[in-house]
N, C-alpha and C. Protein backbone atom coordinates (compact mmCIF):
# COMPACT_ATOMS: atom_id res chain seq x y z
N MET A 1 0.99 -1.08 0.02
CA MET A 1 0.11 -0.08 -0.02
C MET A 1 0.77 1.11 0.23
N ASP A 2 0.53 2.06 -0.79
CA ASP A 2 1.19 3.35 -0.84
C ASP A 2 1.51 4.26 0.00
N ASP A 3 2.34 5.02 0.79
CA ASP A 3 2.78 5.64 1.78
C ASP A 3 2.11 7.24 1.49
N ALA A 4 1.11 7.42 1.97
CA ALA A 4 0.45 8.94 1.48
C ALA A 4 1.55 9.98 1.79
N SER A 5 2.49 9.66 2.41
CA SER A 5 3.25 11.09 2.96
C SER A 5 4.40 10.96 1.95
N ALA A 6 4.68 10.19 0.90
CA ALA A 6 5.65 10.24 -0.16
C ALA A 6 5.66 11.38 -0.85
N PRO A 7 6.59 12.08 -1.25
CA PRO A 7 6.64 13.32 -2.24
C PRO A 7 6.22 13.00 -3.44
N ALA A 8 5.75 14.18 -3.95
CA ALA A 8 5.26 14.41 -5.20
C ALA A 8 5.77 13.83 -6.29
N THR A 9 5.13 12.76 -7.17
CA THR A 9 5.75 12.27 -8.11
C THR A 9 5.35 12.92 -9.81
N ASP A 10 6.38 12.91 -10.28
CA ASP A 10 5.66 13.38 -12.00
C ASP A 10 4.78 12.37 -12.07
N PRO A 11 3.64 12.61 -12.58
CA PRO A 11 2.29 11.69 -12.97
C PRO A 11 2.56 10.98 -14.60
N ALA A 12 3.44 11.55 -15.21
CA ALA A 12 3.97 10.68 -16.29
C ALA A 12 4.49 9.78 -16.05
N SER A 13 5.62 9.64 -15.33
CA SER A 13 7.29 8.65 -15.05
C SER A 13 6.66 7.66 -14.08
N GLY A 14 5.91 7.58 -13.47
CA GLY A 14 5.58 6.70 -12.51
C GLY A 14 4.43 5.70 -12.82
N PRO A 15 4.46 4.57 -12.23
CA PRO A 15 3.44 3.64 -12.45
C PRO A 15 2.00 4.27 -12.10
N ALA A 16 1.03 3.42 -12.61
CA ALA A 16 -0.41 4.20 -12.43
C ALA A 16 -0.65 4.71 -11.40
N THR A 17 0.03 4.41 -10.07
CA THR A 17 -0.51 4.61 -8.93
C THR A 17 0.28 5.82 -8.76
N ASP A 18 1.22 6.13 -9.39
CA ASP A 18 1.79 7.51 -9.03
C ASP A 18 0.55 8.46 -9.69
N PRO A 19 0.81 9.69 -9.10
CA PRO A 19 -0.36 10.64 -9.54
C PRO A 19 -0.08 11.18 -11.20
N GLY A 20 -8.39 38.36 -68.72
CA GLY A 20 -8.64 38.26 -70.37
C GLY A 20 -7.91 39.22 -71.25
N THR A 21 -7.69 37.52 -70.19
CA THR A 21 -7.23 38.82 -71.08
C THR A 21 -8.30 39.24 -71.74
N PRO A 22 -8.44 40.95 -71.75
CA PRO A 22 -9.73 41.13 -72.41
C PRO A 22 -9.53 41.00 -73.73
N GLY A 23 -11.27 41.01 -74.55
CA GLY A 23 -11.11 40.97 -76.12
C GLY A 23 -10.71 42.41 -76.77
N ASP A 24 -10.17 42.35 -77.90
CA ASP A 24 -9.99 43.60 -78.48
C ASP A 24 -10.96 44.77 -78.68
N GLY A 25 -12.23 44.31 -78.52
CA GLY A 25 -12.98 45.71 -78.70
C GLY A 25 -13.11 46.11 -80.06
N SER A 26 -12.78 45.52 -80.80
CA SER A 26 -13.10 46.37 -82.37
C SER A 26 -14.45 45.81 -82.66
N SER A 27 -14.52 47.48 -83.91
CA SER A 27 -15.99 47.12 -84.44
C SER A 27 -16.09 46.12 -85.36
N SER A 28 -17.41 45.38 -85.65
CA SER A 28 -17.43 44.83 -86.70
C SER A 28 -17.95 45.18 -87.85
N GLY A 29 -18.36 46.73 -87.77
CA GLY A 29 -18.98 47.38 -88.86
C GLY A 29 -18.29 47.56 -90.56
N ASP A 30 -18.82 47.89 -91.26
CA ASP A 30 -17.72 48.09 -92.25
C ASP A 30 -16.92 49.00 -92.52
N GLY A 31 -17.61 50.29 -91.67
CA GLY A 31 -16.95 51.77 -91.64
C GLY A 31 -17.60 52.48 -93.05
N GLY A 32 -18.10 52.07 -94.03
CA GLY A 32 -18.16 52.92 -95.23
C GLY A 32 -19.33 54.03 -94.95
N GLY A 33 -19.06 54.80 -95.54
CA GLY A 33 -20.04 56.01 -95.17
C GLY A 33 -21.21 55.85 -96.26
N THR A 34 -22.50 56.51 -96.06
CA THR A 34 -23.58 56.37 -96.72
C THR A 34 -23.53 57.39 -97.84
N PRO A 35 -23.38 57.02 -99.06
CA PRO A 35 -23.03 57.84 -100.20
C PRO A 35 -24.18 59.02 -100.30
N ASP A 36 -24.18 59.90 -100.66
CA ASP A 36 -25.08 61.29 -100.95
C ASP A 36 -26.34 60.75 -102.07
N ASP A 37 -25.55 60.33 -103.20
CA ASP A 37 -26.24 59.84 -104.03
C ASP A 37 -26.46 58.13 -104.28
N ARG A 38 -27.92 57.67 -104.18
CA ARG A 38 -28.20 56.85 -103.49
C ARG A 38 -28.25 55.78 -104.66
N GLY A 39 -27.95 54.33 -104.20
CA GLY A 39 -27.79 53.52 -105.25
C GLY A 39 -28.82 52.98 -105.67
N THR A 40 -28.97 52.63 -107.06
CA THR A 40 -30.22 51.72 -107.93
C THR A 40 -30.48 50.38 -107.37
N PRO A 41 -31.94 50.31 -106.82
CA PRO A 41 -32.12 49.07 -106.14
C PRO A 41 -32.06 48.12 -107.34
N SER A 42 -31.50 46.83 -106.80
CA SER A 42 -31.30 45.59 -107.35
C SER A 42 -32.70 44.89 -107.97
N GLY A 43 -32.22 44.29 -108.52
CA GLY A 43 -33.74 43.21 -109.30
C GLY A 43 -34.43 42.62 -108.05
N ASP A 44 -33.63 42.26 -107.10
CA ASP A 44 -34.30 41.16 -106.36
C ASP A 44 -34.97 42.05 -104.71
N GLY A 45 -34.84 43.16 -105.06
CA GLY A 45 -35.33 44.12 -103.58
C GLY A 45 -34.26 44.54 -102.91
N GLY A 46 -33.20 44.15 -102.84
CA GLY A 46 -32.15 44.59 -101.96
C GLY A 46 -31.35 45.89 -102.54
N THR A 47 -31.07 46.73 -101.60
CA THR A 47 -30.40 48.16 -101.89
C THR A 47 -29.07 47.75 -102.27
N SER A 48 -28.50 48.18 -103.04
CA SER A 48 -27.05 48.20 -103.42
C SER A 48 -26.36 49.38 -103.21
N SER A 49 -25.34 50.02 -102.74
CA SER A 49 -24.47 51.09 -102.89
C SER A 49 -23.62 51.16 -103.75
N ASP A 50 -23.66 51.63 -104.55
CA ASP A 50 -22.46 52.07 -105.71
C ASP A 50 -21.04 52.37 -105.10
N GLY A 51 -21.14 52.94 -103.90
CA GLY A 51 -19.99 53.14 -103.38
C GLY A 51 -19.38 54.63 -103.87
N GLY A 52 -19.35 55.17 -105.12
CA GLY A 52 -18.77 56.12 -105.55
C GLY A 52 -19.33 57.60 -105.24
N GLY A 53 -20.23 57.51 -104.39
CA GLY A 53 -21.07 58.96 -104.00
C GLY A 53 -19.64 59.68 -102.84
N THR A 54 -19.81 61.03 -102.70
CA THR A 54 -18.98 61.65 -101.77
C THR A 54 -19.46 62.33 -100.78
N GLY A 55 -18.99 62.63 -100.00
CA GLY A 55 -19.52 63.59 -98.96
C GLY A 55 -20.30 63.18 -97.63
N GLY A 56 -20.26 61.61 -97.84
CA GLY A 56 -21.38 60.86 -96.76
C GLY A 56 -20.82 60.94 -95.36
N SER A 57 -21.83 60.56 -94.23
CA SER A 57 -20.98 60.49 -93.22
C SER A 57 -21.01 59.40 -92.72
N THR A 58 -19.45 59.35 -92.19
CA THR A 58 -18.97 57.72 -92.01
C THR A 58 -19.42 57.22 -90.31
N THR A 59 -20.22 56.92 -89.99
CA THR A 59 -20.60 56.34 -89.03
C THR A 59 -20.59 54.90 -88.76
N SER A 60 -19.26 54.41 -87.92
CA SER A 60 -19.29 52.86 -87.79
C SER A 60 -20.38 52.43 -87.30
N GLY A 61 -21.15 51.57 -87.75
CA GLY A 61 -22.37 50.95 -87.31
C GLY A 61 -22.10 49.29 -86.59
N GLY A 62 -20.89 49.02 -86.55
CA GLY A 62 -20.50 47.76 -86.03
C GLY A 62 -21.03 47.62 -84.57
N SER A 63 -21.20 46.44 -84.10
CA SER A 63 -20.98 46.32 -82.53
C SER A 63 -19.79 45.90 -81.95
N THR A 64 -19.64 46.07 -80.81
CA THR A 64 -18.27 45.99 -80.25
C THR A 64 -18.44 44.93 -79.40
N THR A 65 -17.72 43.78 -79.54
CA THR A 65 -17.80 42.46 -78.91
C THR A 65 -16.81 42.54 -77.30
N SER A 66 -17.80 42.39 -76.46
CA SER A 66 -16.84 42.76 -75.17
C SER A 66 -16.27 41.71 -74.58
N GLY A 67 -14.57 42.23 -74.52
CA GLY A 67 -13.69 41.17 -74.02
C GLY A 67 -14.01 40.20 -72.83
N THR A 68 -13.79 38.86 -73.14
CA THR A 68 -14.00 38.13 -72.27
C THR A 68 -12.67 37.84 -71.25
N ASP A 69 -12.61 37.64 -70.09
CA ASP A 69 -11.49 37.79 -68.99
C ASP A 69 -10.73 36.07 -69.20
N SER A 70 -9.86 36.31 -69.70
CA SER A 70 -9.67 34.86 -69.51
C SER A 70 -8.48 34.37 -68.55
N GLY A 71 -8.38 35.34 -67.68
CA GLY A 71 -7.27 35.42 -66.80
C GLY A 71 -7.69 34.47 -65.26
N THR A 72 -6.68 33.78 -64.66
CA THR A 72 -7.14 32.73 -63.79
C THR A 72 -7.06 33.73 -62.25
N SER A 73 -7.93 33.56 -61.53
CA SER A 73 -8.26 34.39 -60.06
C SER A 73 -6.90 34.29 -59.33
N GLY A 74 -6.53 34.64 -58.60
CA GLY A 74 -5.83 35.01 -57.58
C GLY A 74 -5.53 33.91 -56.40
N THR A 75 -6.43 32.94 -56.82
CA THR A 75 -6.27 31.60 -55.76
C THR A 75 -4.91 30.68 -55.73
N ASP A 76 -4.45 30.67 -54.61
CA ASP A 76 -3.27 29.69 -54.58
C ASP A 76 -3.59 28.28 -55.17
N SER A 77 -2.71 27.91 -56.20
CA SER A 77 -2.92 26.63 -56.76
C SER A 77 -2.23 25.29 -56.39
N ARG A 78 -1.03 25.89 -55.60
CA ARG A 78 -0.34 24.69 -55.22
C ARG A 78 -0.97 23.81 -54.39
N PRO A 79 -0.78 22.65 -54.38
CA PRO A 79 -1.13 21.78 -54.07
C PRO A 79 -1.05 21.41 -52.34
N ALA A 80 -2.01 20.96 -51.71
CA ALA A 80 -2.00 20.95 -49.90
C ALA A 80 -0.88 19.43 -49.97
N PRO A 81 0.10 19.77 -48.78
CA PRO A 81 1.09 18.84 -48.50
C PRO A 81 0.12 17.31 -48.24
N THR A 82 0.80 16.60 -48.40
CA THR A 82 0.37 14.89 -48.49
C THR A 82 0.25 14.78 -47.04
N VAL A 83 -0.68 13.86 -46.11
CA VAL A 83 -0.69 13.63 -45.19
C VAL A 83 0.11 12.60 -44.66
N PRO A 84 1.32 12.44 -43.74
CA PRO A 84 2.31 11.63 -43.80
C PRO A 84 1.54 10.52 -43.11
N GLY A 85 2.38 9.32 -42.98
CA GLY A 85 2.11 8.33 -42.28
C GLY A 85 2.45 8.44 -40.59
N VAL A 86 3.67 9.26 -40.77
CA VAL A 86 4.31 9.31 -39.28
C VAL A 86 4.72 10.72 -39.08
N VAL A 87 4.92 11.37 -37.88
CA VAL A 87 5.20 12.84 -37.72
C VAL A 87 6.45 12.24 -36.21
N ARG A 88 7.54 12.61 -36.48
CA ARG A 88 8.72 12.60 -35.63
C ARG A 88 9.35 13.65 -34.88
N ALA A 89 9.41 13.78 -33.64
CA ALA A 89 10.19 14.87 -33.20
C ALA A 89 11.91 14.60 -33.74
N THR A 90 12.10 15.65 -34.02
CA THR A 90 13.81 15.89 -34.43
C THR A 90 14.53 16.76 -33.05
N GLY A 91 13.77 17.37 -32.17
CA GLY A 91 14.30 18.31 -31.34
C GLY A 91 13.45 18.98 -30.44
N LEU A 92 13.82 20.14 -30.02
CA LEU A 92 13.04 20.74 -29.18
C LEU A 92 13.53 22.29 -29.39
N THR A 93 12.49 23.19 -29.96
CA THR A 93 12.95 24.22 -30.15
C THR A 93 12.18 25.70 -29.08
N GLY A 94 11.38 24.94 -28.59
CA GLY A 94 10.89 25.99 -27.29
C GLY A 94 9.73 25.35 -26.27
N PHE A 95 9.63 25.52 -24.99
CA PHE A 95 9.39 24.75 -23.94
C PHE A 95 8.73 25.88 -22.76
N GLN A 96 7.66 25.42 -22.12
CA GLN A 96 6.90 26.55 -21.22
C GLN A 96 6.31 25.49 -20.10
N MET A 97 6.97 25.23 -19.02
CA MET A 97 6.35 24.69 -18.07
C MET A 97 4.82 25.27 -17.50
N VAL A 98 4.19 24.99 -17.47
CA VAL A 98 2.75 25.57 -17.19
C VAL A 98 2.38 25.01 -15.70
N GLN A 99 2.83 23.91 -15.65
CA GLN A 99 2.12 23.45 -13.96
C GLN A 99 3.17 22.17 -13.87
N GLY A 100 3.59 21.81 -12.49
CA GLY A 100 4.49 21.14 -11.81
C GLY A 100 5.54 21.70 -11.32
N LEU A 101 6.45 20.88 -10.55
CA LEU A 101 7.46 21.19 -9.73
C LEU A 101 9.01 21.31 -10.99
N PRO A 102 9.52 21.93 -10.52
CA PRO A 102 10.87 22.13 -11.53
C PRO A 102 11.41 21.26 -11.67
N SER A 103 11.72 20.58 -10.56
CA SER A 103 12.44 19.05 -11.01
C SER A 103 12.09 18.01 -12.03
N TRP A 104 10.61 18.45 -12.24
CA TRP A 104 10.00 17.33 -13.67
C TRP A 104 10.50 17.85 -15.13
N GLN A 105 10.93 18.74 -15.11
CA GLN A 105 11.45 19.75 -16.33
C GLN A 105 12.24 18.87 -16.82
N PRO A 106 12.89 18.55 -16.83
CA PRO A 106 14.17 17.57 -17.61
C PRO A 106 13.36 16.60 -18.37
N ALA A 107 12.67 16.15 -17.36
CA ALA A 107 11.84 14.48 -18.09
C ALA A 107 10.68 15.05 -18.90
N ALA A 108 10.04 15.94 -18.87
CA ALA A 108 8.77 16.67 -19.78
C ALA A 108 9.79 17.34 -20.86
N GLN A 109 10.85 17.69 -20.60
CA GLN A 109 11.35 17.98 -22.20
C GLN A 109 11.88 17.10 -22.94
N ASN A 110 12.17 15.93 -22.31
CA ASN A 110 12.79 14.73 -23.00
C ASN A 110 11.79 13.98 -23.60
N ARG A 111 10.58 14.14 -23.07
CA ARG A 111 9.02 13.62 -23.63
C ARG A 111 8.73 14.21 -24.93
N ALA A 112 9.15 15.42 -24.75
CA ALA A 112 8.55 16.37 -26.06
C ALA A 112 9.43 16.37 -27.28
N ALA A 113 10.98 15.94 -26.77
CA ALA A 113 11.86 15.95 -27.84
C ALA A 113 11.97 14.46 -28.33
N ASN A 114 11.21 13.87 -28.05
CA ASN A 114 11.11 12.19 -28.27
C ASN A 114 9.20 11.86 -28.81
N ALA A 115 8.68 12.65 -28.96
CA ALA A 115 7.37 12.47 -29.35
C ALA A 115 6.94 11.68 -30.95
N VAL A 116 6.25 11.21 -30.99
CA VAL A 116 5.71 10.49 -32.24
C VAL A 116 4.53 10.35 -32.36
N LEU A 117 3.80 10.87 -33.84
CA LEU A 117 2.16 10.75 -34.06
C LEU A 117 2.30 9.54 -35.47
N ASP A 118 1.55 8.76 -35.08
CA ASP A 118 1.02 7.99 -36.27
C ASP A 118 0.02 8.13 -36.56
N LEU A 119 -0.31 8.48 -37.76
CA LEU A 119 -1.36 8.91 -38.66
C LEU A 119 -2.13 7.79 -39.28
N TYR A 120 -3.07 7.44 -39.17
CA TYR A 120 -3.94 6.48 -40.03
C TYR A 120 -5.02 7.11 -41.05
N PRO A 121 -5.06 6.21 -42.15
CA PRO A 121 -6.23 7.24 -43.09
C PRO A 121 -7.48 7.35 -42.61
N ASP A 122 -8.14 7.08 -41.70
CA ASP A 122 -9.46 7.24 -40.82
C ASP A 122 -9.58 7.96 -39.84
N GLY A 123 -8.50 9.03 -40.06
CA GLY A 123 -8.45 10.08 -39.17
C GLY A 123 -8.28 9.85 -37.70
N SER A 124 -7.88 8.89 -37.35
CA SER A 124 -7.22 8.49 -35.85
C SER A 124 -5.71 8.36 -35.87
N PHE A 125 -5.29 8.55 -34.69
CA PHE A 125 -3.80 8.63 -34.52
C PHE A 125 -3.22 8.08 -33.18
N SER A 126 -2.06 7.83 -32.97
CA SER A 126 -1.56 7.23 -31.88
C SER A 126 -0.20 8.07 -31.60
N PHE A 127 -0.05 8.56 -30.21
CA PHE A 127 0.74 9.46 -29.85
C PHE A 127 1.88 8.43 -28.71
N THR A 128 2.87 8.49 -29.08
CA THR A 128 4.13 7.68 -28.19
C THR A 128 5.22 8.49 -27.77
N THR A 129 5.87 8.47 -26.65
CA THR A 129 7.16 9.12 -26.49
C THR A 129 7.77 8.13 -25.19
N VAL A 130 8.69 8.42 -24.76
CA VAL A 130 9.66 7.71 -24.09
C VAL A 130 9.10 7.95 -22.38
N ASP A 131 9.37 6.84 -21.73
CA ASP A 131 9.28 6.74 -20.22
C ASP A 131 8.09 7.62 -19.44
N THR A 132 6.90 7.23 -19.85
CA THR A 132 5.27 7.75 -19.84
C THR A 132 4.17 6.60 -19.63
N VAL A 133 3.81 6.82 -18.49
CA VAL A 133 2.61 6.05 -18.32
C VAL A 133 1.32 6.79 -19.05
N GLY A 134 0.42 5.88 -19.90
CA GLY A 134 -0.49 6.08 -20.60
C GLY A 134 -0.24 6.27 -21.76
N VAL A 135 0.68 5.93 -22.34
CA VAL A 135 1.05 5.93 -24.15
C VAL A 135 1.00 4.28 -24.19
N PRO A 136 0.69 4.39 -25.72
CA PRO A 136 0.04 5.12 -26.81
C PRO A 136 -1.14 5.75 -26.18
N VAL A 137 -1.06 7.13 -26.87
CA VAL A 137 -2.39 8.04 -26.72
C VAL A 137 -3.31 7.80 -27.61
N GLY A 138 -4.67 7.83 -27.74
CA GLY A 138 -5.08 7.31 -29.27
C GLY A 138 -6.07 8.77 -29.41
N GLY A 139 -6.47 9.12 -30.21
CA GLY A 139 -7.20 10.31 -30.90
C GLY A 139 -7.44 10.68 -31.80
N ARG A 140 -7.95 11.82 -32.21
CA ARG A 140 -8.29 12.06 -33.77
C ARG A 140 -7.95 13.15 -34.21
N TYR A 141 -7.55 13.34 -35.60
CA TYR A 141 -7.22 14.67 -36.37
C TYR A 141 -8.19 14.82 -37.51
N THR A 142 -7.29 16.29 -37.70
CA THR A 142 -8.19 16.71 -38.89
C THR A 142 -7.03 17.65 -39.50
N VAL A 143 -7.22 18.24 -40.75
CA VAL A 143 -6.29 18.56 -41.83
C VAL A 143 -7.23 19.58 -42.53
N SER A 144 -6.67 20.85 -42.26
CA SER A 144 -7.01 21.93 -43.52
C SER A 144 -5.83 22.44 -43.90
N GLY A 145 -5.44 22.43 -45.54
CA GLY A 145 -4.86 22.99 -46.10
C GLY A 145 -3.43 22.22 -45.65
N ALA A 146 -2.70 22.84 -44.96
CA ALA A 146 -1.05 22.25 -44.78
C ALA A 146 -0.97 22.08 -43.20
N GLU A 147 -2.32 22.62 -42.60
CA GLU A 147 -2.48 22.65 -40.76
C GLU A 147 -2.96 21.17 -40.33
N LEU A 148 -2.37 20.12 -39.35
CA LEU A 148 -2.94 19.18 -38.94
C LEU A 148 -3.43 19.31 -37.52
N ASP A 149 -4.49 19.47 -37.30
CA ASP A 149 -4.92 19.57 -35.52
C ASP A 149 -5.29 18.07 -35.06
N PHE A 150 -4.72 17.87 -33.70
CA PHE A 150 -4.94 16.35 -33.37
C PHE A 150 -5.22 16.42 -31.92
N GLU A 151 -5.91 15.79 -31.03
CA GLU A 151 -6.41 15.97 -29.65
C GLU A 151 -6.77 14.40 -29.42
N GLY A 152 -6.26 13.80 -28.16
CA GLY A 152 -6.42 12.59 -27.70
C GLY A 152 -6.07 12.68 -26.08
N GLN A 153 -6.80 11.11 -25.64
CA GLN A 153 -6.68 11.24 -24.28
C GLN A 153 -6.45 9.55 -23.69
N SER A 154 -5.88 9.47 -22.81
CA SER A 154 -6.03 8.16 -22.40
C SER A 154 -6.00 8.27 -20.85
N VAL A 155 -6.64 6.69 -20.57
CA VAL A 155 -7.15 7.08 -18.81
C VAL A 155 -6.41 5.33 -18.42
N THR A 156 -5.38 5.67 -17.37
CA THR A 156 -4.86 3.93 -16.99
C THR A 156 -5.03 3.85 -15.65
N GLN A 157 -6.06 2.70 -15.71
CA GLN A 157 -5.87 2.89 -14.01
C GLN A 157 -5.16 1.92 -13.19
N GLY A 158 -5.18 2.02 -11.83
CA GLY A 158 -4.03 1.38 -11.22
C GLY A 158 -4.76 0.86 -9.87
N PRO A 159 -4.09 -0.02 -9.22
CA PRO A 159 -5.05 -0.89 -7.76
C PRO A 159 -5.28 0.71 -6.96
N ALA A 160 -4.60 1.44 -6.53
CA ALA A 160 -4.88 2.61 -5.87
C ALA A 160 -5.34 4.21 -6.66
N GLY A 161 -5.70 3.80 -7.72
CA GLY A 161 -6.08 5.14 -8.04
C GLY A 161 -5.93 5.43 -9.93
N SER A 162 -5.64 6.40 -10.72
CA SER A 162 -5.70 6.22 -11.99
C SER A 162 -5.08 7.67 -12.85
N SER A 163 -4.28 7.61 -13.79
CA SER A 163 -3.58 8.41 -14.30
C SER A 163 -4.26 9.03 -15.39
N THR A 164 -4.44 9.78 -16.04
CA THR A 164 -5.12 10.41 -17.46
C THR A 164 -3.91 11.31 -17.56
N LEU A 165 -3.94 11.00 -19.17
CA LEU A 165 -2.66 11.93 -19.91
C LEU A 165 -3.45 12.32 -21.19
N GLU A 166 -3.57 13.70 -21.15
CA GLU A 166 -4.06 14.54 -22.62
C GLU A 166 -3.25 15.23 -23.51
N VAL A 167 -2.96 14.92 -24.58
CA VAL A 167 -2.13 15.52 -25.67
C VAL A 167 -3.47 16.21 -26.79
N GLN A 168 -2.64 17.40 -26.95
CA GLN A 168 -3.26 18.19 -28.13
C GLN A 168 -2.63 19.11 -28.76
N GLY A 169 -2.69 19.45 -30.02
CA GLY A 169 -1.64 20.34 -30.46
C GLY A 169 -1.71 20.63 -32.27
N SER A 170 -1.05 21.08 -33.07
CA SER A 170 -0.96 21.24 -34.56
C SER A 170 0.52 20.75 -35.25
N VAL A 171 0.27 20.49 -36.21
CA VAL A 171 1.55 20.10 -37.11
C VAL A 171 1.50 20.91 -38.31
N ASP A 172 2.48 21.92 -38.88
CA ASP A 172 2.33 22.58 -40.07
C ASP A 172 3.33 21.52 -40.64
N LEU A 173 2.73 21.20 -41.81
CA LEU A 173 3.02 19.90 -42.65
C LEU A 173 4.20 20.86 -43.32
N ALA A 174 3.86 22.03 -43.81
CA ALA A 174 4.79 22.97 -44.63
C ALA A 174 6.14 23.35 -44.30
N GLY A 175 5.72 24.02 -42.99
CA GLY A 175 7.19 24.26 -42.22
C GLY A 175 7.69 23.37 -41.24
N ARG A 176 7.00 21.87 -41.01
CA ARG A 176 7.28 20.93 -40.33
C ARG A 176 8.11 21.31 -39.05
N THR A 177 7.03 21.85 -38.44
CA THR A 177 6.96 21.94 -37.02
C THR A 177 5.78 21.63 -36.17
N MET A 178 5.92 21.00 -35.05
CA MET A 178 4.66 21.09 -34.11
C MET A 178 4.64 21.68 -32.90
N THR A 179 3.27 22.19 -32.24
CA THR A 179 3.01 22.65 -31.22
C THR A 179 2.21 21.54 -30.16
N LEU A 180 3.05 21.05 -29.34
CA LEU A 180 2.02 20.36 -28.29
C LEU A 180 1.71 20.77 -27.06
N ARG A 181 0.55 20.33 -26.69
CA ARG A 181 0.08 20.42 -24.99
C ARG A 181 0.05 19.37 -24.27
N TRP A 182 0.64 19.54 -23.23
CA TRP A 182 0.40 18.04 -22.14
C TRP A 182 -0.02 18.24 -21.07
N VAL A 183 -0.86 17.63 -20.73
CA VAL A 183 -1.26 17.72 -19.42
C VAL A 183 -1.44 16.06 -18.67
N GLY A 184 -1.05 16.21 -17.60
CA GLY A 184 -0.74 14.66 -16.99
C GLY A 184 -1.57 14.65 -15.62
N SER A 185 -2.21 14.23 -15.07
CA SER A 185 -2.39 13.92 -13.84
C SER A 185 -2.83 12.47 -12.89
N THR A 186 -2.58 12.56 -11.77
CA THR A 186 -2.71 11.05 -11.07
C THR A 186 -3.82 11.40 -9.93
N GLY A 187 -4.59 10.46 -9.54
CA GLY A 187 -5.04 10.43 -8.28
C GLY A 187 -5.07 9.29 -7.65
N MET A 188 -4.77 9.57 -6.37
CA MET A 188 -4.74 8.38 -5.51
C MET A 188 -5.23 8.01 -4.23
N GLY A 189 -5.48 6.98 -3.61
CA GLY A 189 -6.30 7.15 -2.57
C GLY A 189 -5.48 6.07 -1.73
N ALA A 190 -5.64 5.88 -0.48
CA ALA A 190 -5.05 4.72 0.55
C ALA A 190 -5.89 4.85 1.86
N VAL A 191 -5.68 3.70 2.58
CA VAL A 191 -6.11 3.58 3.73
C VAL A 191 -4.89 3.40 4.58
N VAL A 192 -4.58 3.88 5.80
CA VAL A 192 -3.33 3.41 6.52
C VAL A 192 -4.09 3.48 7.69
N ASN A 193 -3.57 2.25 8.46
CA ASN A 193 -4.39 2.23 10.00
C ASN A 193 -5.89 2.70 10.27
N GLY A 194 -6.36 2.37 9.29
CA GLY A 194 -7.91 2.70 9.30
C GLY A 194 -8.19 4.24 9.06
N GLN A 195 -7.17 5.10 8.59
CA GLN A 195 -7.35 6.55 8.00
C GLN A 195 -7.21 6.67 6.57
N SER A 196 -8.33 7.11 6.04
CA SER A 196 -8.00 7.41 4.54
C SER A 196 -7.48 8.59 4.12
N PHE A 197 -6.26 8.36 3.01
CA PHE A 197 -5.34 9.13 2.88
C PHE A 197 -6.06 9.63 1.10
N ALA A 198 -5.84 10.48 0.37
CA ALA A 198 -6.27 11.01 -1.02
C ALA A 198 -4.97 12.21 -1.61
N SER A 199 -4.55 11.74 -2.48
CA SER A 199 -3.53 12.75 -3.16
C SER A 199 -3.83 13.00 -4.77
N ALA A 200 -3.18 14.04 -5.15
CA ALA A 200 -3.52 14.20 -6.52
C ALA A 200 -2.53 15.14 -7.08
N ASN A 201 -1.86 14.87 -8.43
CA ASN A 201 -0.53 15.54 -8.82
C ASN A 201 -1.23 15.84 -10.22
N THR A 202 -0.65 16.81 -10.91
CA THR A 202 -0.80 17.10 -12.11
C THR A 202 0.61 18.08 -12.87
N VAL A 203 1.14 17.46 -14.37
CA VAL A 203 1.88 18.14 -14.56
C VAL A 203 1.38 18.75 -16.06
N ALA A 204 1.96 19.89 -16.42
CA ALA A 204 1.14 20.79 -17.65
C ALA A 204 2.44 21.67 -18.56
N TRP A 205 2.53 21.19 -19.58
CA TRP A 205 3.68 22.14 -20.34
C TRP A 205 3.17 22.05 -21.59
N ASN A 206 3.73 23.18 -22.48
CA ASN A 206 3.48 23.52 -23.76
C ASN A 206 4.93 23.31 -24.71
N ALA A 207 4.77 22.92 -25.75
CA ALA A 207 6.41 22.50 -26.70
C ALA A 207 6.30 23.14 -28.26
N ARG A 208 7.37 23.38 -28.58
CA ARG A 208 7.17 23.72 -29.91
C ARG A 208 8.71 22.82 -30.46
N ILE A 209 8.32 21.95 -31.57
CA ILE A 209 9.16 20.93 -31.79
C ILE A 209 9.33 20.62 -33.17
N PRO A 210 10.55 20.68 -33.87
CA PRO A 210 10.90 20.49 -35.15
C PRO A 210 10.52 19.25 -35.59
N VAL A 211 9.99 18.81 -36.83
CA VAL A 211 9.50 17.11 -36.80
C VAL A 211 9.86 16.96 -38.37
N ALA A 212 10.04 15.44 -38.43
CA ALA A 212 10.58 14.83 -39.79
C ALA A 212 9.33 14.42 -40.13
N LEU A 213 8.85 14.24 -41.59
CA LEU A 213 7.42 13.63 -41.60
C LEU A 213 7.90 12.12 -42.69
N GLY A 214 7.41 11.12 -42.51
CA GLY A 214 7.69 10.04 -43.03
C GLY A 214 6.32 9.25 -43.45
C-alpha cells in the first residue's frame, strides 16, 4: 500500500498508482459612309450602294464585342501537402512549464523531444514517447490546408488510483513544426491504519518541436 506521505511524483513517470485577357473590342461594322447619291435598287429588292458617292457621313455601325477575361483568379494553386504516415520529433525549439515541480522539467523536455505521431487514413492517431505512463494515447486528427490538428486522451487504472494523459496540438506540414500541449494527472487513495488518504498531482507543459515527416 502506498505511503500517502511520499513526495509528489511526476504523473507521467511513475506507475499507474503515481499521480483576359480582355477582348480587342474592335468594331465589326464596315465603316463605309452612306453616299449622297443613293444606289439603284437591285432586281431582287435589295438595296445596293455603288460606293461612288462623296460627302457621306462615316458612322461606324458595327457592334462591339466585349472582351472575356480569360485570366485566372488569385487563388493559390499549390497542392496541399500530403498527410504523412508518421510525424517524428527531431529536437526541441521551445518549452514552457505551465504546472508542476521544477524538478519535473528535464523529463518533460525529453518526452517532448521524443514525441511520435502515427497517423492513420481513417482520421485516428496514436501518440507515443519515452518513459511515460498512459501511452500510446489515441485520438482524432483533422487537416485543413497545410495544418493538421490533433487531440487525444488516455486513462490508466491502477490498484490505488488512476492516471490521465491528454495531448493536443497542431502540425505545420509545410513548415515541419509541431506545437504540443501536454496535461498529465494522477489521483491516488489509500487507507493507512484505518485512516483514508488521497492525493493528486498534475503536470502541464507546452512545447514547440521540429519534426520529420514519413
